[in-house]
């Protein structure tokens, strides 16, 4: 519990810091007071409609991706696994790209996130259909890779055939991931999916702990592997679909955070779930704060920052894994 408490304190401090950082230099205490005091006028509007939703989404997106990443790594017993492995993020991105290309996102503020959620649902349906009720973890991975490849190919096709250069530009920037210009509408849209996914994954802790002994041992202990896989895929799909719908494609959070925290929890998957959720929130908060401090006039994208941090750690993980091989 000490680790989770320390991480929670850091996350809370970053949340307050996130609320006080913006393009206009305003004293931190004035910014925080403006959240509850309407006499600050325009500052109150900025705090309640711009900074607060952004800070909440940073926690929501990071916690969801960190939790989903820890769950996938625990189920597949592979530190290189991450939430996008089951193809949901790619299919969600394809749904959003189609909304941008067809102009649906311009007709309604919810057009883009709802299209992304629809893409995620289609993706998880296809993955589960391909994997089948009796398929193992390897079949699930192969199905996810196939759907990711198909979604990526279709996304590239849409970009290639787009007659509108502005739509193509919008697609590229959206796929980089960002929390800028989000409102409480986006928070309320993503929140139920992330909460439902988290609750579903939470009940898999015992099964994930049992899987560390192997599938045969887990079945001997009474773990229903098909039910466990179904819960994990559904929970991960709900989280990834909801977060991708409002923030775009943000990678490496679900890969890097569980890997960093695993030695600190005794390699217990059930405990790693919640530590990774808080750790993921911290990583996205730090990245989002960095976005606002580094080249603020150039609109640096959140997904770019997480990739710049996560890619070197990913390469280190690959090197370490190779070195540990007999």
C-alpha atoms as a PDB file:
ATOM      1  CA  UNK A   1       0.000   0.000   0.000  1.00  0.00           C
ATOM      2  CA  UNK A   2       2.919   2.358   0.533  1.00  0.00           C
ATOM      3  CA  UNK A   3       3.735   2.353  -3.156  1.00  0.00           C
ATOM      4  CA  UNK A   4       0.128   3.057  -4.170  1.00  0.00           C
ATOM      5  CA  UNK A   5      -0.110   5.851  -1.559  1.00  0.00           C
ATOM      6  CA  UNK A   6       3.123   7.469  -2.761  1.00  0.00           C
ATOM      7  CA  UNK A   7       1.979   7.274  -6.370  1.00  0.00           C
ATOM      8  CA  UNK A   8      -1.417   8.733  -5.446  1.00  0.00           C
ATOM      9  CA  UNK A   9       0.227  11.685  -3.689  1.00  0.00           C
ATOM     10  CA  UNK A  10       2.386  12.363  -6.761  1.00  0.00           C
ATOM     11  CA  UNK A  11      -0.674  12.094  -9.026  1.00  0.00           C
ATOM     12  CA  UNK A  12      -2.631  14.538  -6.854  1.00  0.00           C
ATOM     13  CA  UNK A  13       0.240  17.038  -6.861  1.00  0.00           C
ATOM     14  CA  UNK A  14       0.508  16.835 -10.649  1.00  0.00           C
ATOM     15  CA  UNK A  15      -3.248  17.356 -10.938  1.00  0.00           C
ATOM     16  CA  UNK A  16      -3.016  20.630  -9.034  1.00  0.00           C
ATOM     17  CA  UNK A  17       0.061  21.645 -11.039  1.00  0.00           C
ATOM     18  CA  UNK A  18      -1.753  20.872 -14.293  1.00  0.00           C
ATOM     19  CA  UNK A  19      -4.545  23.239 -13.288  1.00  0.00           C
ATOM     20  CA  UNK A  20      -2.134  26.123 -12.816  1.00  0.00           C
ATOM     21  CA  UNK A  21      -0.207  25.831 -16.101  1.00  0.00           C
ATOM     22  CA  UNK A  22      -1.398  27.602 -19.225  1.00  0.00           C
ATOM     23  CA  UNK A  23      -0.371  29.994 -21.989  1.00  0.00           C
ATOM     24  CA  UNK A  24      -1.185  33.016 -19.824  1.00  0.00           C
ATOM     25  CA  UNK A  25       0.884  33.638 -16.697  1.00  0.00           C
ATOM     26  CA  UNK A  26      -1.595  33.701 -13.800  1.00  0.00           C
ATOM     27  CA  UNK A  27      -0.664  33.252 -10.118  1.00  0.00           C
ATOM     28  CA  UNK A  28      -1.307  29.651  -9.065  1.00  0.00           C
ATOM     29  CA  UNK A  29      -3.550  30.572  -6.133  1.00  0.00           C
ATOM     30  CA  UNK A  30      -5.682  32.831  -8.319  1.00  0.00           C
ATOM     31  CA  UNK A  31      -6.120  29.986 -10.802  1.00  0.00           C
ATOM     32  CA  UNK A  32      -7.227  27.579  -8.082  1.00  0.00           C
ATOM     33  CA  UNK A  33      -9.604  30.116  -6.507  1.00  0.00           C
ATOM     34  CA  UNK A  34     -11.124  30.838  -9.908  1.00  0.00           C
ATOM     35  CA  UNK A  35     -12.344  27.234 -10.058  1.00  0.00           C
ATOM     36  CA  UNK A  36     -14.916  28.008  -7.367  1.00  0.00           C
ATOM     37  CA  UNK A  37     -15.258  31.807  -7.513  1.00  0.00           C
ATOM     38  CA  UNK A  38     -17.165  33.296 -10.452  1.00  0.00           C
ATOM     39  CA  UNK A  39     -15.936  36.804  -9.639  1.00  0.00           C
ATOM     40  CA  UNK A  40     -12.755  36.027 -11.591  1.00  0.00           C
ATOM     41  CA  UNK A  41     -14.753  36.247 -14.811  1.00  0.00           C
ATOM     42  CA  UNK A  42     -12.878  34.930 -17.846  1.00  0.00           C
ATOM     43  CA  UNK A  43     -10.351  33.070 -15.677  1.00  0.00           C
ATOM     44  CA  UNK A  44     -13.158  31.073 -14.065  1.00  0.00           C
ATOM     45  CA  UNK A  45     -14.408  30.118 -17.521  1.00  0.00           C
ATOM     46  CA  UNK A  46     -10.906  29.036 -18.589  1.00  0.00           C
ATOM     47  CA  UNK A  47     -10.399  26.974 -15.436  1.00  0.00           C
ATOM     48  CA  UNK A  48     -13.784  25.251 -15.518  1.00  0.00           C
ATOM     49  CA  UNK A  49     -14.128  24.713 -19.263  1.00  0.00           C
ATOM     50  CA  UNK A  50     -10.533  24.186 -20.437  1.00  0.00           C
ATOM     51  CA  UNK A  51      -8.000  23.360 -17.733  1.00  0.00           C
ATOM     52  CA  UNK A  52     -10.185  21.217 -15.446  1.00  0.00           C
ATOM     53  CA  UNK A  53     -11.432  18.859 -18.208  1.00  0.00           C
ATOM     54  CA  UNK A  54      -7.877  18.540 -19.535  1.00  0.00           C
ATOM     55  CA  UNK A  55      -6.482  17.659 -16.107  1.00  0.00           C
ATOM     56  CA  UNK A  56      -9.251  15.130 -15.428  1.00  0.00           C
ATOM     57  CA  UNK A  57      -8.803  13.510 -18.851  1.00  0.00           C
ATOM     58  CA  UNK A  58      -5.047  13.179 -18.277  1.00  0.00           C
ATOM     59  CA  UNK A  59      -5.777  11.077 -15.174  1.00  0.00           C
ATOM     60  CA  UNK A  60      -8.603   9.167 -16.844  1.00  0.00           C
ATOM     61  CA  UNK A  61      -6.673   8.325 -20.017  1.00  0.00           C
ATOM     62  CA  UNK A  62      -3.408   7.509 -18.234  1.00  0.00           C
ATOM     63  CA  UNK A  63      -5.040   5.381 -15.542  1.00  0.00           C
ATOM     64  CA  UNK A  64      -7.072   3.454 -18.099  1.00  0.00           C
ATOM     65  CA  UNK A  65      -4.133   2.728 -20.387  1.00  0.00           C
ATOM     66  CA  UNK A  66      -1.849   1.792 -17.475  1.00  0.00           C
ATOM     67  CA  UNK A  67      -4.456  -0.583 -16.035  1.00  0.00           C
ATOM     68  CA  UNK A  68      -5.203  -2.183 -19.400  1.00  0.00           C
ATOM     69  CA  UNK A  69      -1.499  -2.612 -20.106  1.00  0.00           C
ATOM     70  CA  UNK A  70      -0.867  -4.368 -16.804  1.00  0.00           C
ATOM     71  CA  UNK A  71      -3.863  -6.641 -17.410  1.00  0.00           C
ATOM     72  CA  UNK A  72      -2.712  -7.643 -20.902  1.00  0.00           C
ATOM     73  CA  UNK A  73       0.852  -8.289 -19.728  1.00  0.00           C
ATOM     74  CA  UNK A  74      -0.459 -10.398 -16.853  1.00  0.00           C
ATOM     75  CA  UNK A  75      -2.744 -12.452 -19.056  1.00  0.00           C
ATOM     76  CA  UNK A  76      -0.212 -13.017 -21.836  1.00  0.00           C
ATOM     77  CA  UNK A  77       2.662 -13.343 -19.323  1.00  0.00           C
ATOM     78  CA  UNK A  78       4.700 -11.113 -21.602  1.00  0.00           C
ATOM     79  CA  UNK A  79       6.228  -7.758 -20.558  1.00  0.00           C
ATOM     80  CA  UNK A  80       6.132  -6.660 -24.211  1.00  0.00           C
ATOM     81  CA  UNK A  81       2.325  -6.813 -24.401  1.00  0.00           C
ATOM     82  CA  UNK A  82       0.253  -3.631 -24.445  1.00  0.00           C
ATOM     83  CA  UNK A  83      -3.441  -2.671 -24.840  1.00  0.00           C
ATOM     84  CA  UNK A  84      -3.230  -2.008 -28.586  1.00  0.00           C
ATOM     85  CA  UNK A  85      -2.192  -5.616 -29.145  1.00  0.00           C
ATOM     86  CA  UNK A  86      -5.815  -6.742 -29.497  1.00  0.00           C
ATOM     87  CA  UNK A  87      -6.462  -4.287 -32.336  1.00  0.00           C
ATOM     88  CA  UNK A  88      -8.920  -2.017 -30.529  1.00  0.00           C
ATOM     89  CA  UNK A  89      -6.878   1.189 -30.743  1.00  0.00           C
ATOM     90  CA  UNK A  90      -6.313   0.731 -34.478  1.00  0.00           C
ATOM     91  CA  UNK A  91      -9.997   0.114 -35.191  1.00  0.00           C
ATOM     92  CA  UNK A  92     -10.996   3.049 -32.945  1.00  0.00           C
ATOM     93  CA  UNK A  93      -8.592   5.269 -34.870  1.00  0.00           C
ATOM     94  CA  UNK A  94     -10.114   4.066 -38.145  1.00  0.00           C
ATOM     95  CA  UNK A  95     -13.591   5.008 -36.906  1.00  0.00           C
ATOM     96  CA  UNK A  96     -12.372   8.488 -35.997  1.00  0.00           C
ATOM     97  CA  UNK A  97     -10.584   8.887 -39.338  1.00  0.00           C
ATOM     98  CA  UNK A  98     -13.785   8.011 -41.205  1.00  0.00           C
ATOM     99  CA  UNK A  99     -15.680  10.601 -39.146  1.00  0.00           C
ATOM    100  CA  UNK A 100     -13.152  13.279 -40.088  1.00  0.00           C
ATOM    101  CA  UNK A 101     -13.087  12.267 -43.743  1.00  0.00           C
ATOM    102  CA  UNK A 102     -16.882  12.247 -44.090  1.00  0.00           C
ATOM    103  CA  UNK A 103     -17.323  15.521 -42.215  1.00  0.00           C
ATOM    104  CA  UNK A 104     -19.303  13.872 -39.413  1.00  0.00           C
ATOM    105  CA  UNK A 105     -17.056  15.431 -36.779  1.00  0.00           C
ATOM    106  CA  UNK A 106     -17.964  18.915 -38.042  1.00  0.00           C
ATOM    107  CA  UNK A 107     -21.695  18.229 -37.763  1.00  0.00           C
ATOM    108  CA  UNK A 108     -21.501  17.383 -34.049  1.00  0.00           C
ATOM    109  CA  UNK A 109     -18.899  17.645 -31.294  1.00  0.00           C
ATOM    110  CA  UNK A 110     -19.660  14.009 -30.440  1.00  0.00           C
ATOM    111  CA  UNK A 111     -19.391  12.780 -34.023  1.00  0.00           C
ATOM    112  CA  UNK A 112     -15.692  11.931 -33.815  1.00  0.00           C
ATOM    113  CA  UNK A 113     -15.588  10.229 -30.375  1.00  0.00           C
ATOM    114  CA  UNK A 114     -18.763   8.242 -31.077  1.00  0.00           C
ATOM    115  CA  UNK A 115     -17.341   7.054 -34.401  1.00  0.00           C
ATOM    116  CA  UNK A 116     -14.143   6.016 -32.631  1.00  0.00           C
ATOM    117  CA  UNK A 117     -16.153   4.042 -30.075  1.00  0.00           C
ATOM    118  CA  UNK A 118     -18.095   2.360 -32.874  1.00  0.00           C
ATOM    119  CA  UNK A 119     -14.803   1.410 -34.536  1.00  0.00           C
ATOM    120  CA  UNK A 120     -13.530  -0.042 -31.248  1.00  0.00           C
ATOM    121  CA  UNK A 121     -16.666  -2.161 -30.832  1.00  0.00           C
ATOM    122  CA  UNK A 122     -16.377  -3.503 -34.371  1.00  0.00           C
ATOM    123  CA  UNK A 123     -12.683  -4.251 -33.774  1.00  0.00           C
ATOM    124  CA  UNK A 124     -13.235  -6.227 -30.577  1.00  0.00           C
ATOM    125  CA  UNK A 125     -16.109  -8.162 -32.203  1.00  0.00           C
ATOM    126  CA  UNK A 126     -13.854  -9.164 -35.093  1.00  0.00           C
ATOM    127  CA  UNK A 127     -10.995 -10.124 -32.765  1.00  0.00           C
ATOM    128  CA  UNK A 128     -13.213 -12.322 -30.607  1.00  0.00           C
ATOM    129  CA  UNK A 129     -14.781 -13.887 -33.693  1.00  0.00           C
ATOM    130  CA  UNK A 130     -11.373 -14.675 -35.196  1.00  0.00           C
ATOM    131  CA  UNK A 131      -9.954 -15.982 -31.914  1.00  0.00           C
ATOM    132  CA  UNK A 132     -12.978 -18.214 -31.326  1.00  0.00           C
ATOM    133  CA  UNK A 133     -14.258 -19.508 -27.981  1.00  0.00           C
ATOM    134  CA  UNK A 134     -11.485 -22.106 -27.602  1.00  0.00           C
ATOM    135  CA  UNK A 135      -8.536 -20.133 -28.927  1.00  0.00           C
ATOM    136  CA  UNK A 136      -5.618 -19.537 -26.586  1.00  0.00           C
ATOM    137  CA  UNK A 137      -3.538 -16.440 -25.917  1.00  0.00           C
ATOM    138  CA  UNK A 138      -1.484 -16.946 -29.085  1.00  0.00           C
ATOM    139  CA  UNK A 139      -4.653 -17.031 -31.205  1.00  0.00           C
ATOM    140  CA  UNK A 140      -5.829 -13.817 -29.518  1.00  0.00           C
ATOM    141  CA  UNK A 141      -2.526 -12.102 -30.307  1.00  0.00           C
ATOM    142  CA  UNK A 142      -2.609 -13.183 -33.943  1.00  0.00           C
ATOM    143  CA  UNK A 143      -6.223 -12.035 -34.298  1.00  0.00           C
ATOM    144  CA  UNK A 144      -5.341  -8.670 -32.745  1.00  0.00           C
ATOM    145  CA  UNK A 145      -2.342  -8.225 -35.047  1.00  0.00           C
ATOM    146  CA  UNK A 146      -4.499  -9.055 -38.071  1.00  0.00           C
ATOM    147  CA  UNK A 147      -7.190  -6.523 -37.123  1.00  0.00           C
ATOM    148  CA  UNK A 148      -4.560  -3.878 -36.317  1.00  0.00           C
ATOM    149  CA  UNK A 149      -2.919  -4.412 -39.703  1.00  0.00           C
ATOM    150  CA  UNK A 150      -6.269  -4.230 -41.489  1.00  0.00           C
ATOM    151  CA  UNK A 151      -7.297  -1.079 -39.624  1.00  0.00           C
ATOM    152  CA  UNK A 152      -3.910   0.507 -40.345  1.00  0.00           C
ATOM    153  CA  UNK A 153      -4.184  -0.341 -44.032  1.00  0.00           C
ATOM    154  CA  UNK A 154      -7.692   1.116 -44.278  1.00  0.00           C
ATOM    155  CA  UNK A 155      -6.587   4.257 -42.430  1.00  0.00           C
ATOM    156  CA  UNK A 156      -3.725   4.697 -44.899  1.00  0.00           C
ATOM    157  CA  UNK A 157      -6.154   4.131 -47.768  1.00  0.00           C
ATOM    158  CA  UNK A 158      -8.451   6.876 -46.481  1.00  0.00           C
ATOM    159  CA  UNK A 159      -5.485   9.250 -46.214  1.00  0.00           C
ATOM    160  CA  UNK A 160      -4.288   8.279 -49.663  1.00  0.00           C
ATOM    161  CA  UNK A 161      -7.660   8.853 -51.321  1.00  0.00           C
ATOM    162  CA  UNK A 162      -8.636  11.945 -49.351  1.00  0.00           C
ATOM    163  CA  UNK A 163      -9.483  14.770 -51.793  1.00  0.00           C
ATOM    164  CA  UNK A 164      -9.469  17.301 -48.980  1.00  0.00           C
ATOM    165  CA  UNK A 165      -5.961  18.231 -47.775  1.00  0.00           C
ATOM    166  CA  UNK A 166      -7.420  19.872 -44.680  1.00  0.00           C
ATOM    167  CA  UNK A 167      -9.196  16.643 -43.696  1.00  0.00           C
ATOM    168  CA  UNK A 168      -5.965  14.673 -44.236  1.00  0.00           C
ATOM    169  CA  UNK A 169      -4.099  17.173 -42.081  1.00  0.00           C
ATOM    170  CA  UNK A 170      -6.766  16.898 -39.367  1.00  0.00           C
ATOM    171  CA  UNK A 171      -6.511  13.102 -39.457  1.00  0.00           C
ATOM    172  CA  UNK A 172      -2.732  13.120 -39.051  1.00  0.00           C
ATOM    173  CA  UNK A 173      -2.838  15.533 -36.112  1.00  0.00           C
ATOM    174  CA  UNK A 174      -5.654  13.627 -34.397  1.00  0.00           C
ATOM    175  CA  UNK A 175      -3.732  10.365 -34.644  1.00  0.00           C
ATOM    176  CA  UNK A 176      -0.818  11.959 -32.774  1.00  0.00           C
ATOM    177  CA  UNK A 177      -2.988  12.195 -29.645  1.00  0.00           C
ATOM    178  CA  UNK A 178      -3.817  15.281 -27.629  1.00  0.00           C
ATOM    179  CA  UNK A 179      -5.850  16.539 -24.664  1.00  0.00           C
ATOM    180  CA  UNK A 180      -6.033  20.126 -25.906  1.00  0.00           C
ATOM    181  CA  UNK A 181      -9.427  21.751 -26.510  1.00  0.00           C
ATOM    182  CA  UNK A 182     -11.316  19.014 -24.683  1.00  0.00           C
ATOM    183  CA  UNK A 183     -14.400  19.808 -22.615  1.00  0.00           C
ATOM    184  CA  UNK A 184     -16.381  18.175 -19.834  1.00  0.00           C
ATOM    185  CA  UNK A 185     -18.484  16.562 -22.583  1.00  0.00           C
ATOM    186  CA  UNK A 186     -15.439  14.474 -23.505  1.00  0.00           C
ATOM    187  CA  UNK A 187     -14.889  13.604 -19.845  1.00  0.00           C
ATOM    188  CA  UNK A 188     -18.463  12.355 -19.428  1.00  0.00           C
ATOM    189  CA  UNK A 189     -18.180  10.411 -22.679  1.00  0.00           C
ATOM    190  CA  UNK A 190     -14.992   8.543 -21.724  1.00  0.00           C
ATOM    191  CA  UNK A 191     -15.703   8.140 -17.989  1.00  0.00           C
ATOM    192  CA  UNK A 192     -18.326   5.344 -18.124  1.00  0.00           C
ATOM    193  CA  UNK A 193     -16.254   3.259 -20.555  1.00  0.00           C
ATOM    194  CA  UNK A 194     -13.100   3.580 -18.464  1.00  0.00           C
ATOM    195  CA  UNK A 195     -14.969   2.836 -15.217  1.00  0.00           C
ATOM    196  CA  UNK A 196     -16.773  -0.179 -16.686  1.00  0.00           C
ATOM    197  CA  UNK A 197     -13.511  -1.491 -18.148  1.00  0.00           C
ATOM    198  CA  UNK A 198     -11.695  -0.963 -14.844  1.00  0.00           C
ATOM    199  CA  UNK A 199     -14.409  -2.773 -12.865  1.00  0.00           C
ATOM    200  CA  UNK A 200     -14.329  -5.702 -15.282  1.00  0.00           C
ATOM    201  CA  UNK A 201     -10.535  -5.970 -15.140  1.00  0.00           C
ATOM    202  CA  UNK A 202     -10.578  -5.642 -11.341  1.00  0.00           C
ATOM    203  CA  UNK A 203     -12.333  -8.995 -10.911  1.00  0.00           C
ATOM    204  CA  UNK A 204      -9.634 -10.785 -12.916  1.00  0.00           C
ATOM    205  CA  UNK A 205      -6.893 -10.242 -10.317  1.00  0.00           C
ATOM    206  CA  UNK A 206      -7.106 -13.745  -8.812  1.00  0.00           C
ATOM    207  CA  UNK A 207      -7.045 -15.335 -12.256  1.00  0.00           C
ATOM    208  CA  UNK A 208      -4.020 -13.299 -13.319  1.00  0.00           C
ATOM    209  CA  UNK A 209      -2.153 -14.327 -10.160  1.00  0.00           C
ATOM    210  CA  UNK A 210      -2.981 -17.966 -10.853  1.00  0.00           C
ATOM    211  CA  UNK A 211      -1.772 -17.663 -14.455  1.00  0.00           C
ATOM    212  CA  UNK A 212       1.748 -16.911 -13.246  1.00  0.00           C
ATOM    213  CA  UNK A 213       1.937 -20.658 -12.463  1.00  0.00           C
ATOM    214  CA  UNK A 214       0.856 -21.597 -15.995  1.00  0.00           C
ATOM    215  CA  UNK A 215      -2.474 -22.283 -17.695  1.00  0.00           C
ATOM    216  CA  UNK A 216      -2.711 -25.880 -16.486  1.00  0.00           C
ATOM    217  CA  UNK A 217      -2.098 -24.882 -12.889  1.00  0.00           C
ATOM    218  CA  UNK A 218      -4.614 -22.038 -13.169  1.00  0.00           C
ATOM    219  CA  UNK A 219      -7.287 -24.420 -14.445  1.00  0.00           C
ATOM    220  CA  UNK A 220      -6.499 -26.813 -11.613  1.00  0.00           C
ATOM    221  CA  UNK A 221      -7.134 -23.914  -9.197  1.00  0.00           C
ATOM    222  CA  UNK A 222     -10.590 -23.448 -10.705  1.00  0.00           C
ATOM    223  CA  UNK A 223      -9.875 -20.571 -13.080  1.00  0.00           C
ATOM    224  CA  UNK A 224     -12.062 -20.503 -16.191  1.00  0.00           C
ATOM    225  CA  UNK A 225      -9.573 -19.366 -18.832  1.00  0.00           C
ATOM    226  CA  UNK A 226     -12.208 -18.585 -21.464  1.00  0.00           C
ATOM    227  CA  UNK A 227     -14.141 -16.388 -19.024  1.00  0.00           C
ATOM    228  CA  UNK A 228     -10.910 -14.729 -17.930  1.00  0.00           C
ATOM    229  CA  UNK A 229      -9.958 -13.926 -21.523  1.00  0.00           C
ATOM    230  CA  UNK A 230     -13.440 -12.628 -22.295  1.00  0.00           C
ATOM    231  CA  UNK A 231     -13.381 -10.303 -19.284  1.00  0.00           C
ATOM    232  CA  UNK A 232      -9.898  -9.002 -20.083  1.00  0.00           C
ATOM    233  CA  UNK A 233     -10.645  -8.355 -23.746  1.00  0.00           C
ATOM    234  CA  UNK A 234     -13.957  -6.649 -22.940  1.00  0.00           C
ATOM    235  CA  UNK A 235     -12.418  -4.519 -20.171  1.00  0.00           C
ATOM    236  CA  UNK A 236      -9.415  -3.548 -22.281  1.00  0.00           C
ATOM    237  CA  UNK A 237     -11.630  -2.759 -25.273  1.00  0.00           C
ATOM    238  CA  UNK A 238     -13.886  -0.517 -23.190  1.00  0.00           C
ATOM    239  CA  UNK A 239     -10.914   1.398 -21.781  1.00  0.00           C
ATOM    240  CA  UNK A 240      -8.944   1.715 -25.015  1.00  0.00           C
ATOM    241  CA  UNK A 241     -12.050   2.569 -27.025  1.00  0.00           C
ATOM    242  CA  UNK A 242     -13.120   5.263 -24.565  1.00  0.00           C
ATOM    243  CA  UNK A 243      -9.681   6.848 -24.209  1.00  0.00           C
ATOM    244  CA  UNK A 244      -8.868   6.726 -27.923  1.00  0.00           C
ATOM    245  CA  UNK A 245     -12.238   8.295 -28.699  1.00  0.00           C
ATOM    246  CA  UNK A 246     -11.484  11.440 -26.707  1.00  0.00           C
ATOM    247  CA  UNK A 247      -7.688  11.703 -26.816  1.00  0.00           C
ATOM    248  CA  UNK A 248      -6.588  10.024 -30.033  1.00  0.00           C
ATOM    249  CA  UNK A 249      -3.818   7.454 -30.241  1.00  0.00           C
ATOM    250  CA  UNK A 250      -1.507   7.672 -27.207  1.00  0.00           C
ATOM    251  CA  UNK A 251       1.023   4.879 -27.144  1.00  0.00           C
ATOM    252  CA  UNK A 252       3.583   3.320 -24.801  1.00  0.00           C
ATOM    253  CA  UNK A 253       1.724   4.153 -21.547  1.00  0.00           C
ATOM    254  CA  UNK A 254       0.341   0.649 -21.135  1.00  0.00           C
ATOM    255  CA  UNK A 255       3.687  -0.848 -22.118  1.00  0.00           C
ATOM    256  CA  UNK A 256       6.182   1.212 -20.124  1.00  0.00           C
ATOM    257  CA  UNK A 257       4.390   1.851 -16.821  1.00  0.00           C
ATOM    258  CA  UNK A 258       3.716  -1.807 -15.824  1.00  0.00           C
ATOM    259  CA  UNK A 259       7.295  -2.693 -16.745  1.00  0.00           C
ATOM    260  CA  UNK A 260       8.716   0.041 -14.493  1.00  0.00           C
ATOM    261  CA  UNK A 261       6.484  -0.795 -11.521  1.00  0.00           C
ATOM    262  CA  UNK A 262       6.559  -4.597 -11.728  1.00  0.00           C
ATOM    263  CA  UNK A 263       9.721  -5.047  -9.564  1.00  0.00           C
ATOM    264  CA  UNK A 264       8.171  -2.793  -6.896  1.00  0.00           C
ATOM    265  CA  UNK A 265       5.067  -4.965  -6.380  1.00  0.00           C
ATOM    266  CA  UNK A 266       6.761  -8.342  -6.153  1.00  0.00           C
ATOM    267  CA  UNK A 267       5.654  -9.206  -9.708  1.00  0.00           C
ATOM    268  CA  UNK A 268       2.093  -9.875  -8.480  1.00  0.00           C
ATOM    269  CA  UNK A 269      -0.281  -9.093 -11.397  1.00  0.00           C
ATOM    270  CA  UNK A 270      -3.258  -8.303  -9.160  1.00  0.00           C
ATOM    271  CA  UNK A 271      -1.309  -5.644  -7.251  1.00  0.00           C
ATOM    272  CA  UNK A 272       0.357  -4.350 -10.408  1.00  0.00           C
ATOM    273  CA  UNK A 273      -3.053  -3.489 -11.874  1.00  0.00           C
ATOM    274  CA  UNK A 274      -3.756  -0.593  -9.522  1.00  0.00           C
ATOM    275  CA  UNK A 275      -0.166   0.566  -9.234  1.00  0.00           C
ATOM    276  CA  UNK A 276      -0.036   0.755 -13.034  1.00  0.00           C
ATOM    277  CA  UNK A 277      -3.318   2.670 -13.147  1.00  0.00           C
ATOM    278  CA  UNK A 278      -1.931   5.416 -10.914  1.00  0.00           C
ATOM    279  CA  UNK A 279       1.470   5.255 -12.629  1.00  0.00           C
ATOM    280  CA  UNK A 280      -0.184   5.617 -16.034  1.00  0.00           C
ATOM    281  CA  UNK A 281      -2.049   8.695 -14.826  1.00  0.00           C
ATOM    282  CA  UNK A 282       1.256  10.168 -13.646  1.00  0.00           C
ATOM    283  CA  UNK A 283       2.971   9.488 -16.985  1.00  0.00           C
ATOM    284  CA  UNK A 284       0.223  11.138 -19.033  1.00  0.00           C
ATOM    285  CA  UNK A 285       0.028  14.087 -16.620  1.00  0.00           C
ATOM    286  CA  UNK A 286       3.772  14.678 -16.875  1.00  0.00           C
ATOM    287  CA  UNK A 287       3.639  14.375 -20.672  1.00  0.00           C
ATOM    288  CA  UNK A 288       0.701  16.790 -20.897  1.00  0.00           C
ATOM    289  CA  UNK A 289       2.454  19.326 -18.683  1.00  0.00           C
ATOM    290  CA  UNK A 290       5.582  18.966 -20.839  1.00  0.00           C
ATOM    291  CA  UNK A 291       3.463  19.623 -23.952  1.00  0.00           C
ATOM    292  CA  UNK A 292       2.414  22.978 -22.499  1.00  0.00           C
ATOM    293  CA  UNK A 293       5.937  23.953 -21.436  1.00  0.00           C
ATOM    294  CA  UNK A 294       7.940  22.748 -24.466  1.00  0.00           C
ATOM    295  CA  UNK A 295       7.232  24.725 -27.632  1.00  0.00           C
ATOM    296  CA  UNK A 296       3.735  25.835 -26.502  1.00  0.00           C
ATOM    297  CA  UNK A 297       3.319  27.924 -29.647  1.00  0.00           C
ATOM    298  CA  UNK A 298       3.833  24.868 -31.915  1.00  0.00           C
ATOM    299  CA  UNK A 299       1.075  22.672 -30.411  1.00  0.00           C
ATOM    300  CA  UNK A 300       3.303  19.705 -29.617  1.00  0.00           C
ATOM    301  CA  UNK A 301       1.155  16.559 -29.487  1.00  0.00           C
ATOM    302  CA  UNK A 302       0.810  14.383 -26.394  1.00  0.00           C
ATOM    303  CA  UNK A 303       1.295  11.111 -28.279  1.00  0.00           C
ATOM    304  CA  UNK A 304       4.583  12.385 -29.657  1.00  0.00           C
ATOM    305  CA  UNK A 305       5.928  13.074 -26.160  1.00  0.00           C
ATOM    306  CA  UNK A 306       4.848   9.687 -24.762  1.00  0.00           C
ATOM    307  CA  UNK A 307       6.453   7.985 -27.764  1.00  0.00           C
ATOM    308  CA  UNK A 308       9.713   9.898 -27.305  1.00  0.00           C
ATOM    309  CA  UNK A 309       9.814   8.762 -23.678  1.00  0.00           C
ATOM    310  CA  UNK A 310       8.446   5.255 -24.210  1.00  0.00           C
ATOM    311  CA  UNK A 311      10.399   4.175 -27.294  1.00  0.00           C
ATOM    312  CA  UNK A 312      13.869   4.256 -25.641  1.00  0.00           C
ATOM    313  CA  UNK A 313      12.494   2.354 -22.638  1.00  0.00           C
ATOM    314  CA  UNK A 314      10.900  -0.155 -25.003  1.00  0.00           C
ATOM    315  CA  UNK A 315      14.235  -0.664 -26.770  1.00  0.00           C
ATOM    316  CA  UNK A 316      15.927  -1.138 -23.391  1.00  0.00           C
ATOM    317  CA  UNK A 317      13.305  -3.750 -22.488  1.00  0.00           C
ATOM    318  CA  UNK A 318      13.947  -5.639 -25.722  1.00  0.00           C
ATOM    319  CA  UNK A 319      17.713  -5.564 -25.114  1.00  0.00           C
ATOM    320  CA  UNK A 320      17.291  -6.741 -21.518  1.00  0.00           C
ATOM    321  CA  UNK A 321      14.946  -9.553 -22.594  1.00  0.00           C
ATOM    322  CA  UNK A 322      17.412 -10.684 -25.256  1.00  0.00           C
ATOM    323  CA  UNK A 323      20.297 -10.624 -22.796  1.00  0.00           C
ATOM    324  CA  UNK A 324      18.369 -12.760 -20.294  1.00  0.00           C
ATOM    325  CA  UNK A 325      17.760 -15.484 -22.861  1.00  0.00           C
ATOM    326  CA  UNK A 326      19.883 -18.641 -22.371  1.00  0.00           C
END
